[in-house]
PDB file of N, CA and C in Angstrom:
ATOM      1  N   MET A   1      96.985  74.561  87.256  1.00  0.00           N
ATOM      2  CA  MET A   1      95.321  74.642  86.715  1.00  0.00           C
ATOM      3  C   MET A   1      94.418  74.998  87.787  1.00  0.00           C
ATOM      4  N   LEU A   2      94.412  74.064  88.985  1.00  0.00           N
ATOM      5  CA  LEU A   2      93.358  74.555  89.927  1.00  0.00           C
ATOM      6  C   LEU A   2      93.340  75.782  90.477  1.00  0.00           C
ATOM      7  N   TYR A   3      94.606  76.441  90.822  1.00  0.00           N
ATOM      8  CA  TYR A   3      94.932  77.819  91.227  1.00  0.00           C
ATOM      9  C   TYR A   3      94.131  78.747  90.726  1.00  0.00           C
ATOM     10  N   TYR A   4      94.496  78.949  89.348  1.00  0.00           N
ATOM     11  CA  TYR A   4      93.635  79.771  88.006  1.00  0.00           C
ATOM     12  C   TYR A   4      92.186  79.696  88.362  1.00  0.00           C
ATOM     13  N   THR A   5      91.497  78.239  88.380  1.00  0.00           N
ATOM     14  CA  THR A   5      90.379  78.248  88.409  1.00  0.00           C
ATOM     15  C   THR A   5      89.573  79.019  89.787  1.00  0.00           C
ATOM     16  N   ALA A   6      90.238  78.162  90.673  1.00  0.00           N
ATOM     17  CA  ALA A   6      89.850  79.052  92.063  1.00  0.00           C
ATOM     18  C   ALA A   6      89.943  80.663  91.982  1.00  0.00           C
ATOM     19  N   ALA A   7      91.058  81.133  91.481  1.00  0.00           N
ATOM     20  CA  ALA A   7      91.491  82.521  91.500  1.00  0.00           C
ATOM     21  C   ALA A   7      89.977  83.619  90.781  1.00  0.00           C
ATOM     22  N   ALA A   8      89.897  82.495  89.531  1.00  0.00           N
ATOM     23  CA  ALA A   8      88.788  83.190  88.632  1.00  0.00           C
ATOM     24  C   ALA A   8      87.605  83.198  89.159  1.00  0.00           C
ATOM     25  N   ILE A   9      87.277  82.192  90.268  1.00  0.00           N
ATOM     26  CA  ILE A   9      85.771  82.199  91.109  1.00  0.00           C
ATOM     27  C   ILE A   9      86.050  83.587  92.214  1.00  0.00           C
ATOM     28  N   TYR A  10      87.375  83.195  92.464  1.00  0.00           N
ATOM     29  CA  TYR A  10      87.351  84.286  93.431  1.00  0.00           C
ATOM     30  C   TYR A  10      86.986  85.649  93.224  1.00  0.00           C
ATOM     31  N   VAL A  11      87.650  86.351  91.468  1.00  0.00           N
ATOM     32  CA  VAL A  11      87.358  87.392  91.285  1.00  0.00           C
ATOM     33  C   VAL A  11      85.346  87.608  90.909  1.00  0.00           C
ATOM     34  N   ILE A  12      84.962  86.385  90.356  1.00  0.00           N
ATOM     35  CA  ILE A  12      83.901  86.462  90.155  1.00  0.00           C
ATOM     36  C   ILE A  12      83.280  86.594  92.001  1.00  0.00           C
ATOM     37  N   VAL A  13      83.125  86.235  92.909  1.00  0.00           N
ATOM     38  CA  VAL A  13      83.040  86.179  93.952  1.00  0.00           C
ATOM     39  C   VAL A  13      82.897  87.743  94.751  1.00  0.00           C
ATOM     40  N   CYS A  14      84.065  88.350  94.173  1.00  0.00           N
ATOM     41  CA  CYS A  14      84.111  89.812  94.477  1.00  0.00           C
ATOM     42  C   CYS A  14      83.312  90.660  93.942  1.00  0.00           C
ATOM     43  N   LEU A  15      83.586  90.408  92.851  1.00  0.00           N
ATOM     44  CA  LEU A  15      82.582  91.874  91.764  1.00  0.00           C
ATOM     45  C   LEU A  15      81.362  90.912  92.465  1.00  0.00           C
ATOM     46  N   VAL A  16      80.654  90.130  92.662  1.00  0.00           N
ATOM     47  CA  VAL A  16      79.368  89.854  93.065  1.00  0.00           C
ATOM     48  C   VAL A  16      79.249  90.420  93.996  1.00  0.00           C
ATOM     49  N   LEU A  17      80.382  90.867  95.304  1.00  0.00           N
ATOM     50  CA  LEU A  17      79.991  91.134  96.469  1.00  0.00           C
ATOM     51  C   LEU A  17      79.925  92.663  96.175  1.00  0.00           C
ATOM     52  N   VAL A  18      80.550  92.809  95.633  1.00  0.00           N
ATOM     53  CA  VAL A  18      80.598  94.728  95.180  1.00  0.00           C
ATOM     54  C   VAL A  18      79.084  94.891  94.989  1.00  0.00           C
ATOM     55  N   LEU A  19      78.521  94.155  93.624  1.00  0.00           N
ATOM     56  CA  LEU A  19      77.220  94.463  93.428  1.00  0.00           C
ATOM     57  C   LEU A  19      76.524  94.627  94.125  1.00  0.00           C
ATOM     58  N   VAL A  20      76.271  93.389  95.401  1.00  0.00           N
ATOM     59  CA  VAL A  20      75.168  93.154  96.048  1.00  0.00           C
ATOM     60  C   VAL A  20      75.209  94.218  97.009  1.00  0.00           C
ATOM     61  N   VAL A  21      76.617  94.655  97.595  1.00  0.00           N
ATOM     62  CA  VAL A  21      76.762  95.725  98.474  1.00  0.00           C
ATOM     63  C   VAL A  21      75.632  96.912  97.790  1.00  0.00           C
ATOM     64  N   LEU A  22      76.488  97.369  96.626  1.00  0.00           N
ATOM     65  CA  LEU A  22      76.062  98.639  95.835  1.00  0.00           C
ATOM     66  C   LEU A  22      74.332  98.905  95.895  1.00  0.00           C
ATOM     67  N   LEU A  23      73.780  97.392  95.754  1.00  0.00           N
ATOM     68  CA  LEU A  23      72.573  97.382  95.565  1.00  0.00           C
ATOM     69  C   LEU A  23      71.688  97.639  97.115  1.00  0.00           C
ATOM     70  N   GLN A  24      72.145  97.183  97.593  1.00  0.00           N
ATOM     71  CA  GLN A  24      71.200  97.583  99.085  1.00  0.00           C
ATOM     72  C   GLN A  24      70.752  98.947  98.987  1.00  0.00           C
ATOM     73  N   GLN A  25      69.348  99.107  99.918  1.00  0.00           N
ATOM     74  CA  GLN A  25      69.331 100.462 100.452  1.00  0.00           C
ATOM     75  C   GLN A  25      69.561 100.862 101.400  1.00  0.00           C
ATOM     76  N   GLY A  26      69.587 102.274 101.648  1.00  0.00           N
ATOM     77  CA  GLY A  26      70.100 102.354 103.042  1.00  0.00           C
ATOM     78  C   GLY A  26      69.340 102.607 103.770  1.00  0.00           C
ATOM     79  N   LYS A  27      69.612 102.784 104.954  1.00  0.00           N
ATOM     80  CA  LYS A  27      68.996 102.965 106.602  1.00  0.00           C
ATOM     81  C   LYS A  27      68.272 104.154 106.577  1.00  0.00           C
ATOM     82  N   GLY A  28      68.533 104.998 105.691  1.00  0.00           N
ATOM     83  CA  GLY A  28      67.671 105.946 106.289  1.00  0.00           C
ATOM     84  C   GLY A  28      68.256 107.159 107.115  1.00  0.00           C
ATOM     85  N   GLY A  29      69.777 107.396 107.145  1.00  0.00           N
ATOM     86  CA  GLY A  29      70.204 107.898 108.190  1.00  0.00           C
ATOM     87  C   GLY A  29      70.319 109.435 108.024  1.00  0.00           C
ATOM     88  N   ASP A  30      69.121 110.116 108.275  1.00  0.00           N
ATOM     89  CA  ASP A  30      69.111 111.635 107.608  1.00  0.00           C
ATOM     90  C   ASP A  30      69.662 112.333 109.403  1.00  0.00           C
ATOM     91  N   ILE A  31      69.470 113.586 108.976  1.00  0.00           N
ATOM     92  CA  ILE A  31      69.813 114.374 110.380  1.00  0.00           C
ATOM     93  C   ILE A  31      68.519 114.077 111.254  1.00  0.00           C
ATOM     94  N   ALA A  32      67.489 113.800 110.720  1.00  0.00           N
ATOM     95  CA  ALA A  32      66.406 113.881 112.104  1.00  0.00           C
ATOM     96  C   ALA A  32      66.470 112.505 112.743  1.00  0.00           C
ATOM     97  N   ASN A  33      67.129 111.394 111.942  1.00  0.00           N
ATOM     98  CA  ASN A  33      67.202 110.261 113.065  1.00  0.00           C
ATOM     99  C   ASN A  33      68.441 110.182 113.665  1.00  0.00           C
ATOM    100  N   ALA A  34      69.514 110.867 113.271  1.00  0.00           N
ATOM    101  CA  ALA A  34      70.459 111.277 114.527  1.00  0.00           C
ATOM    102  C   ALA A  34      70.535 111.675 115.509  1.00  0.00           C
ATOM    103  N   PHE A  35      69.238 112.887 115.736  1.00  0.00           N
ATOM    104  CA  PHE A  35      68.992 113.031 116.522  1.00  0.00           C
ATOM    105  C   PHE A  35      67.509 112.709 117.423  1.00  0.00           C
ATOM    106  N   GLY A  36      66.800 111.535 116.992  1.00  0.00           N
ATOM    107  CA  GLY A  36      66.034 111.118 118.064  1.00  0.00           C
ATOM    108  C   GLY A  36      64.896 111.147 116.884  1.00  0.00           C
ATOM    109  N   GLY A  37      64.772 111.593 116.003  1.00  0.00           N
ATOM    110  CA  GLY A  37      63.510 112.242 115.279  1.00  0.00           C
ATOM    111  C   GLY A  37      63.064 110.980 114.298  1.00  0.00           C
ATOM    112  N   GLY A  38      63.404 109.799 114.355  1.00  0.00           N
ATOM    113  CA  GLY A  38      62.732 108.917 113.639  1.00  0.00           C
ATOM    114  C   GLY A  38      61.645 108.281 113.999  1.00  0.00           C
ATOM    115  N   ALA A  39      61.280 107.629 113.343  1.00  0.00           N
ATOM    116  CA  ALA A  39      59.696 106.572 113.937  1.00  0.00           C
ATOM    117  C   ALA A  39      59.814 106.136 114.445  1.00  0.00           C
ATOM    118  N   SER A  40      60.960 104.988 114.678  1.00  0.00           N
ATOM    119  CA  SER A  40      61.163 104.043 115.514  1.00  0.00           C
ATOM    120  C   SER A  40      61.260 104.346 116.678  1.00  0.00           C
ATOM    121  N   GLN A  41      61.033 103.485 118.262  1.00  0.00           N
ATOM    122  CA  GLN A  41      61.374 103.541 119.203  1.00  0.00           C
ATOM    123  C   GLN A  41      62.487 102.632 119.898  1.00  0.00           C
ATOM    124  N   ALA A  42      63.123 101.796 118.467  1.00  0.00           N
ATOM    125  CA  ALA A  42      64.145 101.121 118.669  1.00  0.00           C
ATOM    126  C   ALA A  42      65.454 101.922 118.871  1.00  0.00           C
ATOM    127  N   ALA A  43      66.409 100.912 119.750  1.00  0.00           N
ATOM    128  CA  ALA A  43      67.645 101.986 119.808  1.00  0.00           C
ATOM    129  C   ALA A  43      68.562 102.329 118.472  1.00  0.00           C
ATOM    130  N   PHE A  44      68.465 101.173 117.510  1.00  0.00           N
ATOM    131  CA  PHE A  44      69.137 100.958 116.589  1.00  0.00           C
ATOM    132  C   PHE A  44      68.072 101.226 115.231  1.00  0.00           C
ATOM    133  N   GLY A  45      67.437 102.047 115.121  1.00  0.00           N
ATOM    134  CA  GLY A  45      66.250 102.219 114.457  1.00  0.00           C
ATOM    135  C   GLY A  45      65.548 100.653 114.242  1.00  0.00           C
ATOM    136  N   ALA A  46      64.269 100.871 112.983  1.00  0.00           N
ATOM    137  CA  ALA A  46      63.365 100.002 112.798  1.00  0.00           C
ATOM    138  C   ALA A  46      64.092  98.620 112.213  1.00  0.00           C
ATOM    139  N   ARG A  47      63.477  97.744 113.036  1.00  0.00           N
ATOM    140  CA  ARG A  47      64.183  96.444 112.652  1.00  0.00           C
ATOM    141  C   ARG A  47      63.130  95.917 111.399  1.00  0.00           C
ATOM    142  N   SER A  48      64.298  95.406 110.660  1.00  0.00           N
ATOM    143  CA  SER A  48      63.388  94.812 109.443  1.00  0.00           C
ATOM    144  C   SER A  48      63.914  93.687 109.267  1.00  0.00           C
ATOM    145  N   GLY A  49      63.160  92.550 108.114  1.00  0.00           N
ATOM    146  CA  GLY A  49      63.438  90.977 108.480  1.00  0.00           C
ATOM    147  C   GLY A  49      64.836  91.130 107.153  1.00  0.00           C
ATOM    148  N   ALA A  50      65.439  89.771 107.442  1.00  0.00           N
ATOM    149  CA  ALA A  50      66.814  89.632 106.562  1.00  0.00           C
ATOM    150  C   ALA A  50      66.052  90.090 104.826  1.00  0.00           C
ATOM    151  N   THR A  51      66.541  90.664 103.983  1.00  0.00           N
ATOM    152  CA  THR A  51      65.957  90.511 102.694  1.00  0.00           C
ATOM    153  C   THR A  51      66.981  89.238 102.196  1.00  0.00           C
ATOM    154  N   VAL A  52      66.592  89.112 100.799  1.00  0.00           N
ATOM    155  CA  VAL A  52      67.465  88.670 100.041  1.00  0.00           C
ATOM    156  C   VAL A  52      69.314  89.333  99.824  1.00  0.00           C
ATOM    157  N   LEU A  53      68.823  90.390  99.682  1.00  0.00           N
ATOM    158  CA  LEU A  53      70.207  91.320  99.803  1.00  0.00           C
ATOM    159  C   LEU A  53      71.001  91.060 100.298  1.00  0.00           C
ATOM    160  N   SER A  54      70.730  90.966 101.874  1.00  0.00           N
ATOM    161  CA  SER A  54      71.763  91.166 102.997  1.00  0.00           C
ATOM    162  C   SER A  54      72.184  89.516 103.284  1.00  0.00           C
ATOM    163  N   ARG A  55      71.455  88.750 103.286  1.00  0.00           N
ATOM    164  CA  ARG A  55      71.646  87.322 103.144  1.00  0.00           C
ATOM    165  C   ARG A  55      72.988  87.206 101.659  1.00  0.00           C
ATOM    166  N   ALA A  56      72.599  87.670 100.493  1.00  0.00           N
ATOM    167  CA  ALA A  56      73.543  87.380  99.513  1.00  0.00           C
ATOM    168  C   ALA A  56      74.526  88.151 100.028  1.00  0.00           C
ATOM    169  N   THR A  57      74.497  89.292 100.653  1.00  0.00           N
ATOM    170  CA  THR A  57      75.934  89.772 101.323  1.00  0.00           C
ATOM    171  C   THR A  57      76.688  89.068 102.136  1.00  0.00           C
ATOM    172  N   THR A  58      75.897  88.386 103.392  1.00  0.00           N
ATOM    173  CA  THR A  58      76.810  87.341 104.294  1.00  0.00           C
ATOM    174  C   THR A  58      77.162  86.366 103.616  1.00  0.00           C
ATOM    175  N   ILE A  59      76.760  85.657 102.393  1.00  0.00           N
ATOM    176  CA  ILE A  59      77.220  84.610 101.895  1.00  0.00           C
ATOM    177  C   ILE A  59      78.390  84.936 101.542  1.00  0.00           C
ATOM    178  N   CYS A  60      78.110  85.693 100.301  1.00  0.00           N
ATOM    179  CA  CYS A  60      79.521  86.243  99.372  1.00  0.00           C
ATOM    180  C   CYS A  60      80.639  86.845 100.445  1.00  0.00           C
ATOM    181  N   ALA A  61      80.380  87.404 101.584  1.00  0.00           N
ATOM    182  CA  ALA A  61      81.438  87.891 102.114  1.00  0.00           C
ATOM    183  C   ALA A  61      82.441  86.940 103.007  1.00  0.00           C
ATOM    184  N   VAL A  62      81.447  85.284 103.008  1.00  0.00           N
ATOM    185  CA  VAL A  62      81.856  84.186 104.152  1.00  0.00           C
ATOM    186  C   VAL A  62      82.582  83.539 102.514  1.00  0.00           C
ATOM    187  N   LEU A  63      82.343  83.985 101.592  1.00  0.00           N
ATOM    188  CA  LEU A  63      83.247  82.945 100.542  1.00  0.00           C
ATOM    189  C   LEU A  63      84.091  84.004  99.880  1.00  0.00           C
ATOM    190  N   PHE A  64      84.056  85.122  99.987  1.00  0.00           N
ATOM    191  CA  PHE A  64      85.146  86.428 100.222  1.00  0.00           C
ATOM    192  C   PHE A  64      86.377  86.020 101.189  1.00  0.00           C
ATOM    193  N   MET A  65      86.023  85.419 102.357  1.00  0.00           N
ATOM    194  CA  MET A  65      86.729  85.216 103.324  1.00  0.00           C
ATOM    195  C   MET A  65      87.809  83.841 102.937  1.00  0.00           C
ATOM    196  N   VAL A  66      86.856  83.116 102.792  1.00  0.00           N
ATOM    197  CA  VAL A  66      87.522  81.223 102.745  1.00  0.00           C
ATOM    198  C   VAL A  66      88.255  81.382 101.483  1.00  0.00           C
ATOM    199  N   GLY A  67      87.875  82.247 100.354  1.00  0.00           N
ATOM    200  CA  GLY A  67      88.799  82.288  98.974  1.00  0.00           C
ATOM    201  C   GLY A  67      89.728  83.015  99.159  1.00  0.00           C
ATOM    202  N   ALA A  68      89.947  84.029 100.301  1.00  0.00           N
ATOM    203  CA  ALA A  68      91.636  84.414 100.103  1.00  0.00           C
ATOM    204  C   ALA A  68      92.244  83.742 100.846  1.00  0.00           C
ATOM    205  N   VAL A  69      91.935  83.006 101.852  1.00  0.00           N
ATOM    206  CA  VAL A  69      92.575  82.076 102.815  1.00  0.00           C
ATOM    207  C   VAL A  69      93.132  80.799 101.888  1.00  0.00           C
ATOM    208  N   VAL A  70      92.100  80.269 100.680  1.00  0.00           N
ATOM    209  CA  VAL A  70      92.414  79.473 100.255  1.00  0.00           C
ATOM    210  C   VAL A  70      93.411  79.402  99.034  1.00  0.00           C
ATOM    211  N   LEU A  71      93.121  80.734  98.783  1.00  0.00           N
ATOM    212  CA  LEU A  71      94.156  81.275  97.603  1.00  0.00           C
ATOM    213  C   LEU A  71      96.153  81.488  98.191  1.00  0.00           C
ATOM    214  N   GLY A  72      95.532  81.843  99.407  1.00  0.00           N
ATOM    215  CA  GLY A  72      97.060  82.085 100.085  1.00  0.00           C
ATOM    216  C   GLY A  72      97.451  80.758 100.304  1.00  0.00           C
ATOM    217  N   VAL A  73      96.713  80.045 100.454  1.00  0.00           N
ATOM    218  CA  VAL A  73      97.502  78.393 100.722  1.00  0.00           C
ATOM    219  C   VAL A  73      97.804  77.894  99.491  1.00  0.00           C
ATOM    220  N   MET A  74      97.208  77.857  98.495  1.00  0.00           N
ATOM    221  CA  MET A  74      97.511  77.307  97.247  1.00  0.00           C
ATOM    222  C   MET A  74      98.847  78.172  96.520  1.00  0.00           C
ATOM    223  N   GLY A  75      98.784  79.226  96.664  1.00  0.00           N
ATOM    224  CA  GLY A  75      99.825  80.253  96.169  1.00  0.00           C
ATOM    225  C   GLY A  75     101.399  80.107  96.370  1.00  0.00           C
ATOM    226  N   GLN A  76     101.246  78.925  97.960  1.00  0.00           N
ATOM    227  CA  GLN A  76     102.349  79.145  98.904  1.00  0.00           C
ATOM    228  C   GLN A  76     103.008  78.196  98.076  1.00  0.00           C
ATOM    229  N   SER A  77     104.500  78.201  97.654  1.00  0.00           N
ATOM    230  CA  SER A  77     105.391  76.988  97.070  1.00  0.00           C
ATOM    231  C   SER A  77     106.611  77.316  97.575  1.00  0.00           C
ATOM    232  N   GLY A  78     107.495  76.228  97.549  1.00  0.00           N
ATOM    233  CA  GLY A  78     108.807  76.513  98.011  1.00  0.00           C
ATOM    234  C   GLY A  78     109.195  76.246  99.701  1.00  0.00           C
ATOM    235  N   PRO A  79     110.114  76.381 100.142  1.00  0.00           N
ATOM    236  CA  PRO A  79     110.087  76.267 101.393  1.00  0.00           C
ATOM    237  C   PRO A  79     109.507  77.410 102.301  1.00  0.00           C
ATOM    238  N   ALA A  80     109.833  76.746 103.800  1.00  0.00           N
ATOM    239  CA  ALA A  80     108.828  77.453 104.467  1.00  0.00           C
ATOM    240  C   ALA A  80     109.255  79.000 105.199  1.00  0.00           C
ATOM    241  N   SER A  81     110.716  79.162 104.728  1.00  0.00           N
ATOM    242  CA  SER A  81     111.402  80.337 105.262  1.00  0.00           C
ATOM    243  C   SER A  81     111.774  80.985 104.285  1.00  0.00           C
ATOM    244  N   VAL A  82     112.158  82.143 104.433  1.00  0.00           N
ATOM    245  CA  VAL A  82     112.435  82.812 103.470  1.00  0.00           C
ATOM    246  C   VAL A  82     113.971  82.828 102.910  1.00  0.00           C
ATOM    247  N   ILE A  83     114.786  82.261 103.856  1.00  0.00           N
ATOM    248  CA  ILE A  83     116.572  81.835 103.243  1.00  0.00           C
ATOM    249  C   ILE A  83     116.487  80.385 103.577  1.00  0.00           C
ATOM    250  N   GLY A  84     115.097  79.595 103.679  1.00  0.00           N
ATOM    251  CA  GLY A  84     115.291  78.226 103.444  1.00  0.00           C
ATOM    252  C   GLY A  84     115.940  77.341 102.994  1.00  0.00           C
ATOM    253  N   GLY A  85     115.684  77.962 101.306  1.00  0.00           N
ATOM    254  CA  GLY A  85     116.389  77.403 100.038  1.00  0.00           C
ATOM    255  C   GLY A  85     118.184  77.760  99.842  1.00  0.00           C
ATOM    256  N   ARG A  86     118.913  78.670 100.830  1.00  0.00           N
ATOM    257  CA  ARG A  86     120.275  79.101 100.285  1.00  0.00           C
ATOM    258  C   ARG A  86     121.303  78.531 101.316  1.00  0.00           C
ATOM    259  N   SER A  87     122.491  78.166 100.347  1.00  0.00           N
ATOM    260  CA  SER A  87     122.930  77.356 100.771  1.00  0.00           C
ATOM    261  C   SER A  87     124.009  78.001 102.095  1.00  0.00           C
ATOM    262  N   PRO A  88     124.557  77.693 103.298  1.00  0.00           N
ATOM    263  CA  PRO A  88     125.438  78.418 103.992  1.00  0.00           C
ATOM    264  C   PRO A  88     126.846  79.368 103.389  1.00  0.00           C
ATOM    265  N   ILE A  89     126.992  80.338 104.189  1.00  0.00           N
ATOM    266  CA  ILE A  89     128.028  80.808 103.349  1.00  0.00           C
ATOM    267  C   ILE A  89     129.314  80.188 103.424  1.00  0.00           C
ATOM    268  N   GLY A  90     129.843  79.400 103.992  1.00  0.00           N
ATOM    269  CA  GLY A  90     130.846  78.538 103.593  1.00  0.00           C
ATOM    270  C   GLY A  90     130.833  77.507 102.770  1.00  0.00           C
ATOM    271  N   GLN A  91     129.780  77.068 102.217  1.00  0.00           N
ATOM    272  CA  GLN A  91     129.596  75.959 101.364  1.00  0.00           C
ATOM    273  C   GLN A  91     129.387  76.312 100.186  1.00  0.00           C
ATOM    274  N   THR A  92     129.750  77.408  99.630  1.00  0.00           N
ATOM    275  CA  THR A  92     129.261  77.997  98.522  1.00  0.00           C
ATOM    276  C   THR A  92     130.277  77.773  97.683  1.00  0.00           C
ATOM    277  N   GLY A  93     129.719  77.216  96.177  1.00  0.00           N
ATOM    278  CA  GLY A  93     130.910  76.676  95.315  1.00  0.00           C
ATOM    279  C   GLY A  93     131.543  77.681  94.794  1.00  0.00           C
ATOM    280  N   THR A  94     131.718  79.201  94.592  1.00  0.00           N
ATOM    281  CA  THR A  94     132.307  79.980  93.788  1.00  0.00           C
ATOM    282  C   THR A  94     133.290  80.818  95.023  1.00  0.00           C
ATOM    283  N   PRO A  95     134.586  81.396  95.163  1.00  0.00           N
ATOM    284  CA  PRO A  95     135.350  81.634  96.058  1.00  0.00           C
ATOM    285  C   PRO A  95     134.705  83.138  96.093  1.00  0.00           C
ATOM    286  N   ALA A  96     135.056  83.974  97.653  1.00  0.00           N
ATOM    287  CA  ALA A  96     134.562  85.162  97.620  1.00  0.00           C
ATOM    288  C   ALA A  96     135.361  86.240  96.718  1.00  0.00           C
ATOM    289  N   VAL A  97     136.730  86.122  96.753  1.00  0.00           N
ATOM    290  CA  VAL A  97     137.337  87.280  95.902  1.00  0.00           C
ATOM    291  C   VAL A  97     137.581  86.477  94.648  1.00  0.00           C
ATOM    292  N   PRO A  98     137.203  87.060  93.358  1.00  0.00           N
ATOM    293  CA  PRO A  98     137.752  86.624  92.451  1.00  0.00           C
ATOM    294  C   PRO A  98     139.336  85.897  92.152  1.00  0.00           C
ATOM    295  N   ALA A  99     139.789  85.190  91.107  1.00  0.00           N
ATOM    296  CA  ALA A  99     141.014  85.113  91.343  1.00  0.00           C
ATOM    297  C   ALA A  99     141.556  85.690  90.247  1.00  0.00           C
ATOM    298  N   THR A 100     141.155  86.272  89.555  1.00  0.00           N
ATOM    299  CA  THR A 100     141.479  87.325  88.444  1.00  0.00           C
ATOM    300  C   THR A 100     141.263  88.770  88.583  1.00  0.00           C
ATOM    301  N   ALA A 101     141.599  88.836  90.142  1.00  0.00           N
ATOM    302  CA  ALA A 101     141.509  90.033  90.608  1.00  0.00           C
ATOM    303  C   ALA A 101     142.477  91.398  89.814  1.00  0.00           C
ATOM    304  N   PRO A 102     142.565  92.519  89.558  1.00  0.00           N
ATOM    305  CA  PRO A 102     143.227  93.264  88.821  1.00  0.00           C
ATOM    306  C   PRO A 102     144.217  93.661  90.336  1.00  0.00           C
ATOM    307  N   ALA A 103     145.618  93.649  90.046  1.00  0.00           N
ATOM    308  CA  ALA A 103     146.566  93.910  90.651  1.00  0.00           C
ATOM    309  C   ALA A 103     146.862  95.371  90.547  1.00  0.00           C
ATOM    310  N   THR A 104     147.092  96.396  91.807  1.00  0.00           N
ATOM    311  CA  THR A 104     147.209  97.564  91.708  1.00  0.00           C
ATOM    312  C   THR A 104     148.708  98.134  90.829  1.00  0.00           C
ATOM    313  N   PRO A 105     149.091  98.649  89.899  1.00  0.00           N
ATOM    314  CA  PRO A 105     150.200  98.899  89.329  1.00  0.00           C
ATOM    315  C   PRO A 105     151.174  99.882  90.299  1.00  0.00           C
ATOM    316  N   ALA A 106     152.262  99.449  90.224  1.00  0.00           N
ATOM    317  CA  ALA A 106     153.316 100.322  91.139  1.00  0.00           C
ATOM    318  C   ALA A 106     153.640 102.135  90.517  1.00  0.00           C
ATOM    319  N   ALA A 107     153.315 101.356  89.123  1.00  0.00           N
ATOM    320  CA  ALA A 107     153.497 102.916  88.196  1.00  0.00           C
ATOM    321  C   ALA A 107     152.923 104.037  88.535  1.00  0.00           C
ATOM    322  N   THR A 108     151.844 103.974  88.747  1.00  0.00           N
ATOM    323  CA  THR A 108     150.718 104.952  88.955  1.00  0.00           C
ATOM    324  C   THR A 108     150.609 105.776  90.335  1.00  0.00           C
ATOM    325  N   THR A 109     151.155 104.601  91.177  1.00  0.00           N
ATOM    326  CA  THR A 109     150.728 105.308  92.312  1.00  0.00           C
ATOM    327  C   THR A 109     152.305 105.840  92.896  1.00  0.00           C
ATOM    328  N   PRO A 110     152.640 107.203  93.312  1.00  0.00           N
ATOM    329  CA  PRO A 110     153.967 107.025  93.646  1.00  0.00           C
ATOM    330  C   PRO A 110     154.521 106.696  95.010  1.00  0.00           C
ATOM    331  N   ALA A 111     155.636 106.206  95.390  1.00  0.00           N
ATOM    332  CA  ALA A 111     155.809 105.778  96.550  1.00  0.00           C
ATOM    333  C   ALA A 111     156.007 106.390  97.381  1.00  0.00           C
ATOM    334  N   ALA A 112     155.889 106.532  99.138  1.00  0.00           N
ATOM    335  CA  ALA A 112     156.284 107.623  99.506  1.00  0.00           C
ATOM    336  C   ALA A 112     157.769 107.306 100.118  1.00  0.00           C
ATOM    337  N   PRO A 113     158.250 108.339 100.304  1.00  0.00           N
ATOM    338  CA  PRO A 113     159.875 108.078 100.614  1.00  0.00           C
ATOM    339  C   PRO A 113     160.252 107.339 102.315  1.00  0.00           C
ATOM    340  N   ALA A 114     161.059 106.611 102.073  1.00  0.00           N
ATOM    341  CA  ALA A 114     160.636 106.084 103.796  1.00  0.00           C
ATOM    342  C   ALA A 114     161.721 106.589 104.536  1.00  0.00           C
ATOM    343  N   ALA A 115     160.837 106.363 105.996  1.00  0.00           N
ATOM    344  CA  ALA A 115     161.480 107.285 106.677  1.00  0.00           C
ATOM    345  C   ALA A 115     163.394 106.293 107.260  1.00  0.00           C
ATOM    346  N   ALA A 116     164.080 107.262 107.883  1.00  0.00           N
ATOM    347  CA  ALA A 116     165.562 106.343 107.955  1.00  0.00           C
ATOM    348  C   ALA A 116     165.339 106.011 109.604  1.00  0.00           C
ATOM    349  N   THR A 117     164.618 104.998 109.846  1.00  0.00           N
ATOM    350  CA  THR A 117     164.939 104.569 111.109  1.00  0.00           C
ATOM    351  C   THR A 117     165.297 103.248 111.328  1.00  0.00           C
ATOM    352  N   PRO A 118     166.332 102.864 112.522  1.00  0.00           N
ATOM    353  CA  PRO A 118     166.705 101.516 112.474  1.00  0.00           C
ATOM    354  C   PRO A 118     166.158 100.657 112.383  1.00  0.00           C
ATOM    355  N   SER A 119     166.484  99.476 112.264  1.00  0.00           N
ATOM    356  CA  SER A 119     165.480  97.768 112.049  1.00  0.00           C
ATOM    357  C   SER A 119     165.814  97.522 113.255  1.00  0.00           C
ATOM    358  N   THR A 120     166.606  97.966 113.802  1.00  0.00           N
ATOM    359  CA  THR A 120     166.687  97.134 115.295  1.00  0.00           C
ATOM    360  C   THR A 120     166.829  98.620 116.440  1.00  0.00           C
ATOM    361  N   PRO A 121     166.132  98.171 117.440  1.00  0.00           N
ATOM    362  CA  PRO A 121     166.063  99.540 118.708  1.00  0.00           C
ATOM    363  C   PRO A 121     167.311  99.850 119.135  1.00  0.00           C
ATOM    364  N   ALA A 122     167.477 101.120 119.274  1.00  0.00           N
ATOM    365  CA  ALA A 122     168.688 101.698 119.824  1.00  0.00           C
ATOM    366  C   ALA A 122     169.595 100.835 121.350  1.00  0.00           C
ATOM    367  N   ASP A 123     170.550 101.000 121.645  1.00  0.00           N
ATOM    368  CA  ASP A 123     170.949 100.259 122.614  1.00  0.00           C
ATOM    369  C   ASP A 123     170.953 101.106 124.164  1.00  0.00           C
ATOM    370  N   ALA A 124     170.325 100.539 125.053  1.00  0.00           N
ATOM    371  CA  ALA A 124     170.155 101.402 126.009  1.00  0.00           C
ATOM    372  C   ALA A 124     171.058 101.621 126.658  1.00  0.00           C
ATOM    373  N   PRO A 125     170.992 103.075 126.914  1.00  0.00           N
ATOM    374  CA  PRO A 125     172.546 103.878 127.637  1.00  0.00           C
ATOM    375  C   PRO A 125     172.765 102.896 128.995  1.00  0.00           C
ATOM    376  N   LYS A 126     174.271 102.887 128.753  1.00  0.00           N
ATOM    377  CA  LYS A 126     174.554 101.921 130.312  1.00  0.00           C
ATOM    378  C   LYS A 126     174.906 102.781 131.197  1.00  0.00           C
ATOM    379  N   GLN A 127     174.604 102.424 132.387  1.00  0.00           N
ATOM    380  CA  GLN A 127     174.613 103.102 133.812  1.00  0.00           C
ATOM    381  C   GLN A 127     176.060 102.626 134.531  1.00  0.00           C
TER     382      GLN A 127
END
């Protein structure tokens, strides 16, 4: 229940962050400012005080990052390892090969004629 409440709050924070970023006014970065034709002598344009929207953006960004970490920790369940819950191969309860494996019928596969080879090696020539 707590996880779903945190997830709903996180979605609301994400929507507010998008809204606040879209409502901000641009810095006026037209082509004249790119080549030094701006009205200010500052290196990065005119400095203005932090507006309500820029502060809201900072707060929402921090909440976004903290919320992502909190949801990641809350959503983690089970063992810490991916294979931590598996039993070792030798201790499984089922056999590796099923006992009811079908036998290959001899009638469908023709037997190859056996070569006439003696079962014992030939005697070595006597000298």
